[in-house]
């Protein structure tokens, strides 16, 4: 199925299902994906396994320049975004200057759009690195992926590119506690002859137990909304997402549902 890449460093603003009017920041190449996961549902397509040349990332200076230019234009037009969102073509925390870029963004936000939030959408693979951890503590919406609390499901659904120790990741997520927002995509289907369903009772029980260990400020649950690189995946109906959300609420967590 058709997927797409963001062809600019700064993109949008776009209307986000979860965040409002979002101005996107892409810290990855504009012509290919760079990620530590190869999620079978990713709207950016498959993660390249081999490259003819090293991926070219935008510099810290380029990001700051492009972001300032866009914020200046939006302020002049009286159309400032609700949130500046680090997302784009892969995992933003892989950028070697990620902590410095967050510092630059805070300065620009405070100068041009003090009421705007800063959000990072991360797959949680780099949070064991202290500079990344400290940088994520500075943003308003620290949105961290946990699609399953069962390692085999993570392997099927998120396809980590390297070693991925799920219990350790959950420990590191717990370090954030209420300064984390956990995002989980629920999906069903078949891929390479294997059944995928992270909505079963076994899955949900393990996931809820992980949430209790982490203690996040909020839980975002959603399902696929765009084309996916893997065929055979289906949306989880909104009614079922709401039922899952009720269980999250019963555990004392704020929850946001996007169907």
C-alpha atoms as a PDB file:
ATOM      1  CA  UNK A   1       0.000   0.000   0.000  1.00  0.00           C
ATOM      2  CA  UNK A   2       1.080   3.602  -0.557  1.00  0.00           C
ATOM      3  CA  UNK A   3       3.137   5.279   2.149  1.00  0.00           C
ATOM      4  CA  UNK A   4       4.843   8.661   2.209  1.00  0.00           C
ATOM      5  CA  UNK A   5       7.865  10.591   3.473  1.00  0.00           C
ATOM      6  CA  UNK A   6       8.033  14.146   4.784  1.00  0.00           C
ATOM      7  CA  UNK A   7      10.035  16.119   2.222  1.00  0.00           C
ATOM      8  CA  UNK A   8      10.945  19.081   4.435  1.00  0.00           C
ATOM      9  CA  UNK A   9      12.682  19.739   7.754  1.00  0.00           C
ATOM     10  CA  UNK A  10       9.671  21.758   8.929  1.00  0.00           C
ATOM     11  CA  UNK A  11       6.305  20.544   7.683  1.00  0.00           C
ATOM     12  CA  UNK A  12       2.700  21.559   8.169  1.00  0.00           C
ATOM     13  CA  UNK A  13       1.026  22.828  10.143  1.00  0.00           C
ATOM     14  CA  UNK A  14      -1.299  19.846  10.079  1.00  0.00           C
ATOM     15  CA  UNK A  15      -4.369  18.948  12.108  1.00  0.00           C
ATOM     16  CA  UNK A  16      -3.286  16.107  14.405  1.00  0.00           C
ATOM     17  CA  UNK A  17      -5.801  13.608  15.753  1.00  0.00           C
ATOM     18  CA  UNK A  18      -4.094  13.770  19.144  1.00  0.00           C
ATOM     19  CA  UNK A  19      -2.312  17.119  19.417  1.00  0.00           C
ATOM     20  CA  UNK A  20      -4.306  19.810  17.639  1.00  0.00           C
ATOM     21  CA  UNK A  21      -2.710  22.163  15.081  1.00  0.00           C
ATOM     22  CA  UNK A  22       0.804  20.764  14.848  1.00  0.00           C
ATOM     23  CA  UNK A  23       3.922  22.195  13.229  1.00  0.00           C
ATOM     24  CA  UNK A  24       6.117  19.211  12.431  1.00  0.00           C
ATOM     25  CA  UNK A  25       9.892  18.924  12.758  1.00  0.00           C
ATOM     26  CA  UNK A  26      11.675  16.175  10.819  1.00  0.00           C
ATOM     27  CA  UNK A  27      15.207  15.501  12.072  1.00  0.00           C
ATOM     28  CA  UNK A  28      15.735  12.682   9.570  1.00  0.00           C
ATOM     29  CA  UNK A  29      16.534  12.744   5.837  1.00  0.00           C
ATOM     30  CA  UNK A  30      13.854  14.182   3.572  1.00  0.00           C
ATOM     31  CA  UNK A  31      14.284  11.367   1.047  1.00  0.00           C
ATOM     32  CA  UNK A  32      14.460   8.248   3.225  1.00  0.00           C
ATOM     33  CA  UNK A  33      13.527   6.827   6.585  1.00  0.00           C
ATOM     34  CA  UNK A  34      15.949   6.379   9.501  1.00  0.00           C
ATOM     35  CA  UNK A  35      14.596   4.442  12.448  1.00  0.00           C
ATOM     36  CA  UNK A  36      15.479   1.896  15.111  1.00  0.00           C
ATOM     37  CA  UNK A  37      12.135   0.163  14.450  1.00  0.00           C
ATOM     38  CA  UNK A  38      10.625  -1.192  11.251  1.00  0.00           C
ATOM     39  CA  UNK A  39       6.979  -1.088  12.309  1.00  0.00           C
ATOM     40  CA  UNK A  40       4.708  -2.973   9.954  1.00  0.00           C
ATOM     41  CA  UNK A  41       2.115  -0.173  10.204  1.00  0.00           C
ATOM     42  CA  UNK A  42       4.432   2.850   9.714  1.00  0.00           C
ATOM     43  CA  UNK A  43       3.023   5.482   7.366  1.00  0.00           C
ATOM     44  CA  UNK A  44       6.598   6.272   6.220  1.00  0.00           C
ATOM     45  CA  UNK A  45       7.077   2.747   4.881  1.00  0.00           C
ATOM     46  CA  UNK A  46       9.804   0.204   5.552  1.00  0.00           C
ATOM     47  CA  UNK A  47      13.102   1.138   7.211  1.00  0.00           C
ATOM     48  CA  UNK A  48      15.992   0.620   4.738  1.00  0.00           C
ATOM     49  CA  UNK A  49      18.208  -2.279   5.762  1.00  0.00           C
ATOM     50  CA  UNK A  50      21.080  -1.250   3.496  1.00  0.00           C
ATOM     51  CA  UNK A  51      22.145   2.124   2.135  1.00  0.00           C
ATOM     52  CA  UNK A  52      24.436   3.041  -0.734  1.00  0.00           C
ATOM     53  CA  UNK A  53      25.653   6.036   1.276  1.00  0.00           C
ATOM     54  CA  UNK A  54      25.302   7.326   4.823  1.00  0.00           C
ATOM     55  CA  UNK A  55      21.978   8.989   5.571  1.00  0.00           C
ATOM     56  CA  UNK A  56      22.265  12.781   5.557  1.00  0.00           C
ATOM     57  CA  UNK A  57      20.585  14.414   8.544  1.00  0.00           C
ATOM     58  CA  UNK A  58      19.801  18.124   8.798  1.00  0.00           C
ATOM     59  CA  UNK A  59      22.236  20.024  11.001  1.00  0.00           C
ATOM     60  CA  UNK A  60      21.271  21.597  14.302  1.00  0.00           C
ATOM     61  CA  UNK A  61      21.745  25.009  12.707  1.00  0.00           C
ATOM     62  CA  UNK A  62      19.521  24.154   9.739  1.00  0.00           C
ATOM     63  CA  UNK A  63      16.727  22.983  12.011  1.00  0.00           C
ATOM     64  CA  UNK A  64      16.848  26.153  14.115  1.00  0.00           C
ATOM     65  CA  UNK A  65      16.940  28.399  11.035  1.00  0.00           C
ATOM     66  CA  UNK A  66      14.012  26.699   9.303  1.00  0.00           C
ATOM     67  CA  UNK A  67      11.949  26.583  12.485  1.00  0.00           C
ATOM     68  CA  UNK A  68      12.548  30.262  13.226  1.00  0.00           C
ATOM     69  CA  UNK A  69      11.588  31.240   9.677  1.00  0.00           C
ATOM     70  CA  UNK A  70       8.330  29.292   9.908  1.00  0.00           C
ATOM     71  CA  UNK A  71       7.423  30.644  13.349  1.00  0.00           C
ATOM     72  CA  UNK A  72       8.107  34.201  12.172  1.00  0.00           C
ATOM     73  CA  UNK A  73       5.761  33.709   9.212  1.00  0.00           C
ATOM     74  CA  UNK A  74       3.051  32.139  11.336  1.00  0.00           C
ATOM     75  CA  UNK A  75       3.262  34.837  14.000  1.00  0.00           C
ATOM     76  CA  UNK A  76       2.978  37.548  11.347  1.00  0.00           C
ATOM     77  CA  UNK A  77      -0.106  35.797   9.960  1.00  0.00           C
ATOM     78  CA  UNK A  78      -1.589  35.373  13.441  1.00  0.00           C
ATOM     79  CA  UNK A  79      -1.755  31.594  12.980  1.00  0.00           C
ATOM     80  CA  UNK A  80       0.615  30.102  15.544  1.00  0.00           C
ATOM     81  CA  UNK A  81       0.420  26.323  16.104  1.00  0.00           C
ATOM     82  CA  UNK A  82      -0.856  24.572  19.220  1.00  0.00           C
ATOM     83  CA  UNK A  83       2.219  22.364  19.300  1.00  0.00           C
ATOM     84  CA  UNK A  84       5.647  21.898  17.699  1.00  0.00           C
ATOM     85  CA  UNK A  85       5.951  18.167  17.123  1.00  0.00           C
ATOM     86  CA  UNK A  86       9.151  16.204  16.541  1.00  0.00           C
ATOM     87  CA  UNK A  87       8.149  13.295  14.320  1.00  0.00           C
ATOM     88  CA  UNK A  88       9.024  12.914  10.647  1.00  0.00           C
ATOM     89  CA  UNK A  89      10.750  10.121   8.776  1.00  0.00           C
ATOM     90  CA  UNK A  90      11.727   7.844  11.644  1.00  0.00           C
ATOM     91  CA  UNK A  91      12.973   8.180  15.217  1.00  0.00           C
ATOM     92  CA  UNK A  92      13.879  11.803  16.124  1.00  0.00           C
ATOM     93  CA  UNK A  93      16.022  10.908  19.140  1.00  0.00           C
ATOM     94  CA  UNK A  94      18.499   9.162  16.834  1.00  0.00           C
ATOM     95  CA  UNK A  95      19.781  12.576  15.741  1.00  0.00           C
ATOM     96  CA  UNK A  96      23.182  13.094  17.441  1.00  0.00           C
ATOM     97  CA  UNK A  97      22.307  16.719  18.269  1.00  0.00           C
ATOM     98  CA  UNK A  98      18.813  15.937  19.559  1.00  0.00           C
ATOM     99  CA  UNK A  99      19.412  17.428  23.053  1.00  0.00           C
ATOM    100  CA  UNK A 100      20.797  20.675  21.593  1.00  0.00           C
ATOM    101  CA  UNK A 101      17.964  20.903  19.072  1.00  0.00           C
ATOM    102  CA  UNK A 102      15.445  20.639  21.913  1.00  0.00           C
ATOM    103  CA  UNK A 103      17.237  23.480  23.723  1.00  0.00           C
ATOM    104  CA  UNK A 104      17.125  25.625  20.557  1.00  0.00           C
ATOM    105  CA  UNK A 105      13.433  24.854  20.095  1.00  0.00           C
ATOM    106  CA  UNK A 106      12.625  25.899  23.646  1.00  0.00           C
ATOM    107  CA  UNK A 107      14.301  29.264  23.045  1.00  0.00           C
ATOM    108  CA  UNK A 108      12.435  29.818  19.763  1.00  0.00           C
ATOM    109  CA  UNK A 109       9.119  28.703  21.232  1.00  0.00           C
ATOM    110  CA  UNK A 110       9.499  31.106  24.143  1.00  0.00           C
ATOM    111  CA  UNK A 111      10.377  33.940  21.768  1.00  0.00           C
ATOM    112  CA  UNK A 112       7.695  33.493  19.110  1.00  0.00           C
ATOM    113  CA  UNK A 113       4.929  31.267  20.498  1.00  0.00           C
ATOM    114  CA  UNK A 114       5.078  31.064  24.314  1.00  0.00           C
ATOM    115  CA  UNK A 115       1.684  29.340  24.509  1.00  0.00           C
ATOM    116  CA  UNK A 116       2.745  26.582  22.102  1.00  0.00           C
ATOM    117  CA  UNK A 117       3.615  23.140  23.476  1.00  0.00           C
ATOM    118  CA  UNK A 118       6.596  21.094  22.365  1.00  0.00           C
ATOM    119  CA  UNK A 119       5.983  17.392  21.725  1.00  0.00           C
ATOM    120  CA  UNK A 120       8.247  14.510  20.813  1.00  0.00           C
ATOM    121  CA  UNK A 121       6.903  11.280  19.326  1.00  0.00           C
ATOM    122  CA  UNK A 122       9.469   8.597  20.187  1.00  0.00           C
ATOM    123  CA  UNK A 123       9.611   4.831  19.958  1.00  0.00           C
ATOM    124  CA  UNK A 124      11.403   4.673  23.353  1.00  0.00           C
ATOM    125  CA  UNK A 125      14.522   2.943  21.999  1.00  0.00           C
ATOM    126  CA  UNK A 126      16.952   5.714  22.984  1.00  0.00           C
ATOM    127  CA  UNK A 127      15.660   6.630  26.434  1.00  0.00           C
ATOM    128  CA  UNK A 128      18.436   4.672  28.143  1.00  0.00           C
ATOM    129  CA  UNK A 129      20.848   7.378  26.941  1.00  0.00           C
ATOM    130  CA  UNK A 130      21.086  10.040  29.603  1.00  0.00           C
ATOM    131  CA  UNK A 131      21.322  13.086  27.256  1.00  0.00           C
ATOM    132  CA  UNK A 132      18.165  11.924  25.459  1.00  0.00           C
ATOM    133  CA  UNK A 133      16.435  11.224  28.769  1.00  0.00           C
ATOM    134  CA  UNK A 134      17.240  14.708  30.095  1.00  0.00           C
ATOM    135  CA  UNK A 135      16.154  16.364  26.848  1.00  0.00           C
ATOM    136  CA  UNK A 136      12.794  14.579  26.882  1.00  0.00           C
ATOM    137  CA  UNK A 137      12.198  15.774  30.438  1.00  0.00           C
ATOM    138  CA  UNK A 138      12.226  19.350  29.094  1.00  0.00           C
ATOM    139  CA  UNK A 139       9.394  19.001  26.581  1.00  0.00           C
ATOM    140  CA  UNK A 140       5.703  19.504  27.336  1.00  0.00           C
ATOM    141  CA  UNK A 141       4.427  16.314  25.697  1.00  0.00           C
ATOM    142  CA  UNK A 142       6.920  13.467  26.015  1.00  0.00           C
ATOM    143  CA  UNK A 143       5.051  10.829  23.990  1.00  0.00           C
ATOM    144  CA  UNK A 144       6.647   7.392  24.197  1.00  0.00           C
ATOM    145  CA  UNK A 145       5.646   4.236  22.362  1.00  0.00           C
ATOM    146  CA  UNK A 146       4.658   0.990  24.086  1.00  0.00           C
ATOM    147  CA  UNK A 147       2.681  -1.110  21.628  1.00  0.00           C
ATOM    148  CA  UNK A 148       2.835  -4.236  23.765  1.00  0.00           C
ATOM    149  CA  UNK A 149       4.264  -5.469  27.049  1.00  0.00           C
ATOM    150  CA  UNK A 150       4.956  -8.885  25.509  1.00  0.00           C
ATOM    151  CA  UNK A 151       8.330  -9.150  23.808  1.00  0.00           C
ATOM    152  CA  UNK A 152       7.194 -11.502  21.055  1.00  0.00           C
ATOM    153  CA  UNK A 153       4.471  -9.065  20.008  1.00  0.00           C
ATOM    154  CA  UNK A 154       6.934  -6.167  19.909  1.00  0.00           C
ATOM    155  CA  UNK A 155       9.113  -8.244  17.584  1.00  0.00           C
ATOM    156  CA  UNK A 156       6.157  -8.932  15.284  1.00  0.00           C
ATOM    157  CA  UNK A 157       4.617  -5.473  15.342  1.00  0.00           C
ATOM    158  CA  UNK A 158       7.526  -3.039  15.772  1.00  0.00           C
ATOM    159  CA  UNK A 159      10.389  -5.144  14.364  1.00  0.00           C
ATOM    160  CA  UNK A 160      13.319  -3.615  16.315  1.00  0.00           C
ATOM    161  CA  UNK A 161      16.388  -3.102  14.123  1.00  0.00           C
ATOM    162  CA  UNK A 162      18.787  -4.061  16.914  1.00  0.00           C
ATOM    163  CA  UNK A 163      18.706  -5.640  20.352  1.00  0.00           C
ATOM    164  CA  UNK A 164      15.560  -4.603  22.220  1.00  0.00           C
ATOM    165  CA  UNK A 165      15.179  -5.479  25.903  1.00  0.00           C
ATOM    166  CA  UNK A 166      11.507  -4.838  26.659  1.00  0.00           C
ATOM    167  CA  UNK A 167      11.718  -5.171  30.483  1.00  0.00           C
ATOM    168  CA  UNK A 168      14.602  -2.672  30.491  1.00  0.00           C
ATOM    169  CA  UNK A 169      12.616  -0.292  28.291  1.00  0.00           C
ATOM    170  CA  UNK A 170       9.692  -0.448  30.718  1.00  0.00           C
ATOM    171  CA  UNK A 171      12.115   0.300  33.579  1.00  0.00           C
ATOM    172  CA  UNK A 172      13.386   3.356  31.723  1.00  0.00           C
ATOM    173  CA  UNK A 173       9.827   4.474  30.929  1.00  0.00           C
ATOM    174  CA  UNK A 174       9.098   4.287  34.665  1.00  0.00           C
ATOM    175  CA  UNK A 175      11.923   6.797  35.266  1.00  0.00           C
ATOM    176  CA  UNK A 176       9.774   9.402  33.516  1.00  0.00           C
ATOM    177  CA  UNK A 177       6.678   8.510  35.541  1.00  0.00           C
ATOM    178  CA  UNK A 178       4.117  11.313  35.306  1.00  0.00           C
ATOM    179  CA  UNK A 179       6.337  13.184  32.844  1.00  0.00           C
ATOM    180  CA  UNK A 180       5.581  10.558  30.207  1.00  0.00           C
ATOM    181  CA  UNK A 181       2.663  10.050  27.864  1.00  0.00           C
ATOM    182  CA  UNK A 182       2.413   6.459  26.676  1.00  0.00           C
ATOM    183  CA  UNK A 183       1.121   5.917  23.147  1.00  0.00           C
ATOM    184  CA  UNK A 184      -0.098   2.526  21.974  1.00  0.00           C
ATOM    185  CA  UNK A 185      -1.351   1.543  18.549  1.00  0.00           C
ATOM    186  CA  UNK A 186      -3.825  -1.325  18.545  1.00  0.00           C
ATOM    187  CA  UNK A 187      -4.108  -3.378  15.387  1.00  0.00           C
ATOM    188  CA  UNK A 188      -5.085  -6.795  14.093  1.00  0.00           C
ATOM    189  CA  UNK A 189      -4.160  -8.789  11.045  1.00  0.00           C
ATOM    190  CA  UNK A 190      -1.690 -11.165   9.497  1.00  0.00           C
ATOM    191  CA  UNK A 191       1.876 -10.600   8.372  1.00  0.00           C
ATOM    192  CA  UNK A 192       4.258 -13.170   6.905  1.00  0.00           C
ATOM    193  CA  UNK A 193       1.967 -15.986   7.965  1.00  0.00           C
ATOM    194  CA  UNK A 194       1.698 -14.830  11.590  1.00  0.00           C
ATOM    195  CA  UNK A 195      -1.391 -13.535  13.341  1.00  0.00           C
ATOM    196  CA  UNK A 196      -1.055 -10.153  15.015  1.00  0.00           C
ATOM    197  CA  UNK A 197      -3.499  -8.902  17.631  1.00  0.00           C
ATOM    198  CA  UNK A 198      -2.452  -6.782  20.608  1.00  0.00           C
ATOM    199  CA  UNK A 199      -6.045  -6.492  21.894  1.00  0.00           C
ATOM    200  CA  UNK A 200      -6.351  -9.985  23.397  1.00  0.00           C
ATOM    201  CA  UNK A 201      -6.933 -10.382  27.114  1.00  0.00           C
ATOM    202  CA  UNK A 202      -3.390 -11.681  27.594  1.00  0.00           C
ATOM    203  CA  UNK A 203      -1.998  -8.635  25.784  1.00  0.00           C
ATOM    204  CA  UNK A 204      -4.168  -6.133  27.632  1.00  0.00           C
ATOM    205  CA  UNK A 205      -3.435  -7.606  31.056  1.00  0.00           C
ATOM    206  CA  UNK A 206       0.325  -7.386  30.491  1.00  0.00           C
ATOM    207  CA  UNK A 207       0.031  -3.873  29.016  1.00  0.00           C
ATOM    208  CA  UNK A 208      -2.082  -2.584  31.914  1.00  0.00           C
ATOM    209  CA  UNK A 209       0.426  -4.057  34.361  1.00  0.00           C
ATOM    210  CA  UNK A 210       3.206  -2.181  32.552  1.00  0.00           C
ATOM    211  CA  UNK A 211       1.228   1.052  32.721  1.00  0.00           C
ATOM    212  CA  UNK A 212       0.907   0.626  36.477  1.00  0.00           C
ATOM    213  CA  UNK A 213       4.677   0.213  36.726  1.00  0.00           C
ATOM    214  CA  UNK A 214       5.304   3.301  34.599  1.00  0.00           C
ATOM    215  CA  UNK A 215       2.687   5.655  36.072  1.00  0.00           C
ATOM    216  CA  UNK A 216       2.344   7.992  33.035  1.00  0.00           C
ATOM    217  CA  UNK A 217       0.515  11.319  32.985  1.00  0.00           C
ATOM    218  CA  UNK A 218      -1.657  10.152  30.121  1.00  0.00           C
ATOM    219  CA  UNK A 219      -2.199   7.186  27.825  1.00  0.00           C
ATOM    220  CA  UNK A 220      -2.929   7.694  24.119  1.00  0.00           C
ATOM    221  CA  UNK A 221      -4.545   4.783  22.333  1.00  0.00           C
ATOM    222  CA  UNK A 222      -5.230   4.721  18.629  1.00  0.00           C
ATOM    223  CA  UNK A 223      -5.316   2.494  15.572  1.00  0.00           C
ATOM    224  CA  UNK A 224      -4.147   2.668  11.969  1.00  0.00           C
ATOM    225  CA  UNK A 225      -5.523   5.631  10.039  1.00  0.00           C
ATOM    226  CA  UNK A 226      -3.445   5.668   6.839  1.00  0.00           C
ATOM    227  CA  UNK A 227      -1.958   3.174   4.416  1.00  0.00           C
ATOM    228  CA  UNK A 228       0.520   0.728   5.927  1.00  0.00           C
ATOM    229  CA  UNK A 229       3.551  -0.964   4.320  1.00  0.00           C
ATOM    230  CA  UNK A 230       2.333  -4.401   5.410  1.00  0.00           C
ATOM    231  CA  UNK A 231      -0.803  -5.789   3.804  1.00  0.00           C
ATOM    232  CA  UNK A 232      -3.424  -7.573   5.849  1.00  0.00           C
ATOM    233  CA  UNK A 233      -3.708  -5.142   8.768  1.00  0.00           C
ATOM    234  CA  UNK A 234      -7.098  -3.887   9.946  1.00  0.00           C
ATOM    235  CA  UNK A 235      -8.273  -1.101  12.208  1.00  0.00           C
ATOM    236  CA  UNK A 236      -9.566  -1.844  15.663  1.00  0.00           C
ATOM    237  CA  UNK A 237     -13.120  -0.438  15.872  1.00  0.00           C
ATOM    238  CA  UNK A 238     -13.597   2.725  17.926  1.00  0.00           C
ATOM    239  CA  UNK A 239     -16.054   0.914  20.202  1.00  0.00           C
ATOM    240  CA  UNK A 240     -13.331  -1.541  21.214  1.00  0.00           C
ATOM    241  CA  UNK A 241     -10.792   1.242  21.701  1.00  0.00           C
ATOM    242  CA  UNK A 242     -13.250   2.933  24.046  1.00  0.00           C
ATOM    243  CA  UNK A 243     -13.651  -0.317  25.990  1.00  0.00           C
ATOM    244  CA  UNK A 244      -9.873  -0.524  26.375  1.00  0.00           C
ATOM    245  CA  UNK A 245      -9.853   3.115  27.446  1.00  0.00           C
ATOM    246  CA  UNK A 246     -12.390   2.386  30.188  1.00  0.00           C
ATOM    247  CA  UNK A 247     -10.022  -0.201  31.648  1.00  0.00           C
ATOM    248  CA  UNK A 248      -7.183   2.318  31.581  1.00  0.00           C
ATOM    249  CA  UNK A 249      -9.382   4.870  33.350  1.00  0.00           C
ATOM    250  CA  UNK A 250     -10.320   2.311  35.985  1.00  0.00           C
ATOM    251  CA  UNK A 251      -6.620   2.056  36.807  1.00  0.00           C
ATOM    252  CA  UNK A 252      -6.592   5.799  37.471  1.00  0.00           C
ATOM    253  CA  UNK A 253      -4.998   7.090  34.244  1.00  0.00           C
ATOM    254  CA  UNK A 254      -6.137   9.861  31.958  1.00  0.00           C
ATOM    255  CA  UNK A 255      -6.663   8.428  28.464  1.00  0.00           C
ATOM    256  CA  UNK A 256      -7.145   9.846  24.979  1.00  0.00           C
ATOM    257  CA  UNK A 257      -8.704   7.784  22.208  1.00  0.00           C
ATOM    258  CA  UNK A 258      -8.230   8.325  18.466  1.00  0.00           C
ATOM    259  CA  UNK A 259     -10.234   5.994  16.260  1.00  0.00           C
END
